[in-house]
Amino acid sequence: MNNYMGEARNRSQTLLIVEGNHEKNELFWLIFQCFPEINIAMENVWIYGTNIYMLYEDIVKEYGADWAEEEMDIDLPFVISKKQTPDNLRYKDDFTNIILAFDYERHDTNFSESKILEMQNSFSDAADMGKLYINYPMIESYQHLKAVPDYEYAERKIAVSLQLVQRS
């Protein structure tokens, strides 16, 4: 018999990867308060700190440019923890489910429809590499719901006031 017991893993955790503080500290905190049956601990909501295109580039740095074509097994918790907390690496085996919530960000200079499609095709199973949810156009659009479900949402237009720029 050996004494090579590693640290016990709590595999019943769900990891939620979001873009920033707003999502974690406001939106998902409120969702978890309203729906405790979701059962995701706030310490398992990781702030990625940037958008989906930067996450794509971090995956390329770790696995190579052909990661999607070669259908590689991507370990997102490893990729993110290696970048953010290299002294405390985490792995997908530490989690039962991995959920990603990112904005579409069409205005970003790194926007690429093909990158979005690769990410959607690769991250389609929360119990495997993760399930990607794309907010369109951005997560703040939930503020325009008038009811749940809101059947008129897709056709709703939001007025924008244009202000003249003062030039000196």
Protein backbone atom coordinates (compact mmCIF):
# COMPACT_ATOMS: atom_id res chain seq x y z
CA MET A 1 0.00 0.00 0.00
CA ASN A 2 1.29 3.49 -0.80
CA ASN A 3 0.96 6.84 0.93
CA TYR A 4 0.46 8.86 -2.22
CA MET A 5 -2.86 10.41 -1.38
CA GLY A 6 -3.29 13.69 -3.17
CA GLU A 7 -5.58 16.47 -2.11
CA ALA A 8 -9.21 15.34 -2.20
CA ARG A 9 -11.17 17.02 -4.96
CA ASN A 10 -14.68 18.33 -4.52
CA ARG A 11 -15.99 17.31 -7.93
CA SER A 12 -19.56 18.50 -7.33
CA GLN A 13 -18.61 22.08 -8.20
CA THR A 14 -19.90 24.12 -11.11
CA LEU A 15 -17.54 26.68 -12.57
CA LEU A 16 -19.03 29.79 -14.14
CA ILE A 17 -16.60 31.87 -16.19
CA VAL A 18 -17.75 35.44 -16.85
CA GLU A 19 -16.20 38.50 -18.46
CA GLY A 20 -16.06 40.91 -15.57
CA ASN A 21 -17.07 42.25 -12.18
CA HIS A 22 -20.51 43.42 -13.31
CA GLU A 23 -21.56 39.91 -14.22
CA LYS A 24 -20.22 38.31 -11.05
CA ASN A 25 -20.97 40.92 -8.44
CA GLU A 26 -24.29 42.19 -9.73
CA LEU A 27 -26.07 39.97 -12.20
CA PHE A 28 -25.14 36.43 -11.15
CA TRP A 29 -25.14 37.33 -7.45
CA LEU A 30 -28.77 38.44 -7.90
CA ILE A 31 -29.64 35.33 -9.92
CA PHE A 32 -28.15 33.06 -7.25
CA GLN A 33 -30.10 34.90 -4.54
CA CYS A 34 -33.36 34.52 -6.46
CA PHE A 35 -32.74 30.92 -7.51
CA PRO A 36 -30.76 29.11 -4.76
CA GLU A 37 -31.49 25.78 -6.44
CA ILE A 38 -28.87 26.72 -9.06
CA ASN A 39 -26.38 25.87 -6.30
CA ILE A 40 -23.27 27.65 -7.58
CA ALA A 41 -20.99 29.07 -4.92
CA MET A 42 -19.76 32.62 -5.55
CA GLU A 43 -16.14 31.45 -5.20
CA ASN A 44 -16.80 29.28 -8.26
CA VAL A 45 -17.66 32.29 -10.38
CA TRP A 46 -14.39 33.23 -12.00
CA ILE A 47 -13.89 36.60 -13.58
CA TYR A 48 -11.95 36.18 -16.78
CA GLY A 49 -11.35 39.90 -17.04
CA THR A 50 -11.64 40.35 -20.80
CA ASN A 51 -13.68 39.19 -23.77
CA ILE A 52 -14.19 35.98 -25.71
CA TYR A 53 -11.60 36.89 -28.36
CA MET A 54 -8.85 37.16 -25.75
CA LEU A 55 -9.93 33.80 -24.33
CA TYR A 56 -9.64 32.39 -27.84
CA GLU A 57 -6.09 33.77 -28.09
CA ASP A 58 -5.17 32.27 -24.70
CA ILE A 59 -6.40 28.87 -25.93
CA VAL A 60 -4.27 29.27 -29.09
CA LYS A 61 -1.21 30.10 -26.95
CA GLU A 62 -1.72 26.94 -24.88
CA TYR A 63 -2.89 24.45 -27.53
CA GLY A 64 -1.88 25.89 -30.92
CA ALA A 65 -3.79 27.49 -33.78
CA ASP A 66 -5.36 24.21 -34.93
CA TRP A 67 -6.95 23.35 -31.58
CA ALA A 68 -10.52 23.50 -32.94
CA GLU A 69 -9.81 21.63 -36.19
CA GLU A 70 -8.00 18.88 -34.31
CA GLU A 71 -10.83 18.72 -31.76
CA MET A 72 -8.38 18.94 -28.87
CA ASP A 73 -9.54 18.39 -25.31
CA ILE A 74 -9.28 21.92 -23.90
CA ASP A 75 -8.91 22.38 -20.15
CA LEU A 76 -10.34 25.89 -19.61
CA PRO A 77 -9.81 26.01 -15.84
CA PHE A 78 -6.14 25.20 -16.48
CA VAL A 79 -5.82 27.87 -19.21
CA ILE A 80 -7.41 30.54 -17.05
CA SER A 81 -5.77 29.63 -13.74
CA LYS A 82 -2.37 29.41 -15.44
CA LYS A 83 -2.81 32.99 -16.62
CA GLN A 84 -4.38 34.43 -13.46
CA THR A 85 -3.11 32.34 -10.55
CA PRO A 86 -0.13 30.23 -11.72
CA ASP A 87 0.60 29.12 -8.14
CA ASN A 88 -2.89 27.64 -7.77
CA LEU A 89 -3.66 25.76 -10.97
CA ARG A 90 -7.11 24.24 -11.40
CA TYR A 91 -8.24 21.61 -13.86
CA LYS A 92 -11.51 20.66 -15.52
CA ASP A 93 -11.53 17.42 -13.51
CA ASP A 94 -12.11 19.63 -10.46
CA PHE A 95 -15.56 20.57 -11.78
CA THR A 96 -18.71 18.70 -12.68
CA ASN A 97 -19.92 21.50 -14.96
CA ILE A 98 -18.21 24.43 -16.66
CA ILE A 99 -20.31 27.30 -17.99
CA LEU A 100 -18.97 30.29 -19.93
CA ALA A 101 -20.96 33.51 -20.38
CA PHE A 102 -19.45 36.05 -22.78
CA ASP A 103 -20.70 38.95 -24.86
CA TYR A 104 -20.75 38.73 -28.66
CA GLU A 105 -18.63 41.92 -28.93
CA ARG A 106 -19.10 42.50 -32.67
CA HIS A 107 -17.55 45.97 -32.30
CA ASP A 108 -14.25 44.53 -31.02
CA THR A 109 -11.30 44.89 -33.39
CA ASN A 110 -10.58 41.18 -32.85
CA PHE A 111 -14.12 40.16 -33.85
CA SER A 112 -14.26 37.02 -35.95
CA GLU A 113 -17.35 35.03 -36.85
CA SER A 114 -15.19 31.95 -37.41
CA LYS A 115 -13.70 32.21 -33.91
CA ILE A 116 -17.18 32.43 -32.42
CA LEU A 117 -18.28 29.35 -34.39
CA GLU A 118 -15.18 27.41 -33.33
CA MET A 119 -15.83 28.32 -29.69
CA GLN A 120 -19.52 27.35 -29.95
CA ASN A 121 -18.71 24.02 -31.60
CA SER A 122 -15.99 23.18 -29.10
CA PHE A 123 -17.69 24.35 -25.92
CA SER A 124 -21.07 22.70 -26.23
CA ASP A 125 -21.17 20.42 -23.18
CA ALA A 126 -21.05 21.75 -19.62
CA ALA A 127 -20.03 18.34 -18.27
CA ASP A 128 -17.08 18.07 -20.66
CA MET A 129 -14.98 21.06 -21.79
CA GLY A 130 -17.69 23.58 -20.97
CA LYS A 131 -20.85 25.12 -22.37
CA LEU A 132 -20.57 28.56 -23.98
CA TYR A 133 -23.41 31.06 -23.78
CA ILE A 134 -23.13 34.17 -25.92
CA ASN A 135 -24.94 37.33 -24.87
CA TYR A 136 -26.15 39.32 -27.83
CA PRO A 137 -25.42 42.11 -28.13
CA MET A 138 -24.21 42.23 -24.51
CA ILE A 139 -25.25 41.01 -21.08
CA GLU A 140 -26.70 44.39 -20.14
CA SER A 141 -29.49 43.83 -22.69
CA TYR A 142 -31.41 41.97 -19.95
CA GLN A 143 -32.29 45.41 -18.58
CA HIS A 144 -34.72 45.91 -21.46
CA LEU A 145 -36.94 42.94 -20.60
CA LYS A 146 -40.44 43.99 -19.56
CA ALA A 147 -41.53 40.50 -18.49
CA VAL A 148 -40.21 36.94 -18.41
CA PRO A 149 -40.73 35.68 -21.03
CA ASP A 150 -40.87 38.91 -23.03
CA TYR A 151 -42.26 37.97 -26.44
CA GLU A 152 -41.83 41.51 -27.78
CA TYR A 153 -38.15 41.78 -26.88
CA ALA A 154 -36.78 40.82 -30.30
CA GLU A 155 -38.71 43.63 -31.99
CA ARG A 156 -38.20 46.30 -29.33
CA LYS A 157 -36.24 49.37 -30.31
CA ILE A 158 -34.43 51.51 -27.78
CA ALA A 159 -34.27 55.23 -28.43
CA VAL A 160 -30.83 56.77 -28.44
CA SER A 161 -30.38 60.49 -27.95
CA LEU A 162 -27.59 61.95 -30.00
CA GLN A 163 -25.63 64.77 -28.48
CA LEU A 164 -23.54 67.23 -30.43
CA VAL A 165 -19.85 67.05 -29.69
CA GLN A 166 -18.46 70.39 -28.57
CA ARG A 167 -15.27 71.19 -30.44
CA SER A 168 -12.83 73.71 -29.16
